[in-house]
Every structure is written in C-alpha cells, then in structure tokens.
Amino acid sequence: MTHSLTLEVPENIYQPLAKEAEAKGRKVEEIALEKLAKDEPDKIDDPFEKFIGAFDSGAMDWANRHDEYLGEKLNA
C-alpha cells in the first residue's frame, strides 16, 4: 500500500534534491523518497568531529554521544 504525502520544504532543502534529480534524470520526489527511506541520515557537519580521537575523554562513547555530554554540562 502507498500513501500520498505533500510537503513544503525550504529552498535550501529543495535545491540539492532538484540538482540531484536533474543529474540523474529522475523526479525530485523519487530522490526525496530515497533519502527519507535511508536507514542512516546524511552526514551532518559537526564542528566537534575534528576533535574525535584527539584526546582521551575517558568516555568510550564520546564520539557518538558528545552532544549529549555537552548538553548535560550546560544544564548542570
């Protein structure tokens, strides 16, 4: 079964989809659906990524949970 879904997206989201669709000769909707169906979200520009592995934080999961740890410190 399929369902229709209408979305309004900002220009900065739409334009990369439109460019990719044009380059691949496909519809924007097809590209958007593929991205929505992905198991993993597209890589997000993380300013702390350059520090991963640069020092011993003492936390084995710091690379994956650094936002959570920083949030805890801000709320403390």
Protein backbone atom coordinates (compact mmCIF):
# COMPACT_ATOMS: atom_id res chain seq x y z
CA MET A 1 0.00 0.00 0.00
CA THR A 2 1.23 3.52 -0.73
CA HIS A 3 0.18 6.88 0.65
CA SER A 4 0.38 10.39 -0.73
CA LEU A 5 2.31 12.94 1.27
CA THR A 6 2.59 16.62 0.42
CA LEU A 7 5.46 18.55 2.00
CA GLU A 8 6.56 22.16 1.87
CA VAL A 9 10.32 22.36 2.14
CA PRO A 10 12.62 25.36 2.30
CA GLU A 11 14.68 26.30 -0.72
CA ASN A 12 17.94 25.06 0.84
CA ILE A 13 16.43 21.56 1.12
CA TYR A 14 14.71 21.53 -2.28
CA GLN A 15 17.59 22.78 -4.45
CA PRO A 16 20.04 19.94 -3.70
CA LEU A 17 17.24 17.44 -4.34
CA ALA A 18 16.38 19.13 -7.64
CA LYS A 19 20.03 19.21 -8.75
CA GLU A 20 20.50 15.53 -7.93
CA ALA A 21 17.26 14.60 -9.70
CA GLU A 22 18.26 16.54 -12.81
CA ALA A 23 21.73 14.99 -12.84
CA LYS A 24 20.22 11.50 -12.59
CA GLY A 25 17.33 12.18 -14.98
CA ARG A 26 14.80 11.38 -12.28
CA LYS A 27 11.95 13.11 -10.44
CA VAL A 28 12.63 15.18 -7.33
CA GLU A 29 10.03 13.08 -5.50
CA GLU A 30 11.97 9.89 -6.23
CA ILE A 31 15.19 11.31 -4.85
CA ALA A 32 13.41 12.67 -1.75
CA LEU A 33 11.75 9.31 -1.11
CA GLU A 34 15.08 7.51 -1.33
CA LYS A 35 16.58 9.90 1.20
CA LEU A 36 13.62 9.52 3.54
CA ALA A 37 13.86 5.74 3.32
CA LYS A 38 17.58 5.61 4.18
CA ASP A 39 18.48 3.89 7.44
CA GLU A 40 21.13 6.49 8.16
CA PRO A 41 20.65 10.25 7.84
CA ASP A 42 23.03 12.19 5.63
CA LYS A 43 26.18 13.26 7.36
CA ILE A 44 25.70 16.43 9.35
CA ASP A 45 28.52 18.96 9.58
CA ASP A 46 29.64 18.53 13.20
CA PRO A 47 32.14 21.10 14.48
CA PHE A 48 33.37 18.66 17.15
CA GLU A 49 34.20 15.91 14.68
CA LYS A 50 37.73 17.23 14.22
CA PHE A 51 38.39 16.57 17.91
CA ILE A 52 37.31 12.92 17.87
CA GLY A 53 40.37 10.89 18.77
CA ALA A 54 42.46 13.99 19.54
CA PHE A 55 42.49 13.33 23.29
CA ASP A 56 41.35 10.81 25.88
CA SER A 57 37.97 11.93 27.19
CA GLY A 58 37.62 8.96 29.48
CA ALA A 59 34.28 8.17 27.85
CA MET A 60 34.29 5.24 25.46
CA ASP A 61 31.24 6.56 23.60
CA TRP A 62 32.23 10.23 23.40
CA ALA A 63 32.40 10.18 19.60
CA ASN A 64 28.75 9.15 19.37
CA ARG A 65 27.32 10.93 22.41
CA HIS A 66 29.33 14.17 22.65
CA ASP A 67 26.27 16.35 22.05
CA GLU A 68 24.50 14.65 24.94
CA TYR A 69 27.52 15.06 27.24
CA LEU A 70 27.90 18.74 26.35
CA GLY A 71 24.19 19.30 26.93
CA GLU A 72 24.48 17.75 30.40
CA LYS A 73 27.28 20.17 31.28
CA LEU A 74 25.31 23.17 30.03
CA ASN A 75 22.27 22.17 32.08
CA ALA A 76 24.28 21.41 35.25
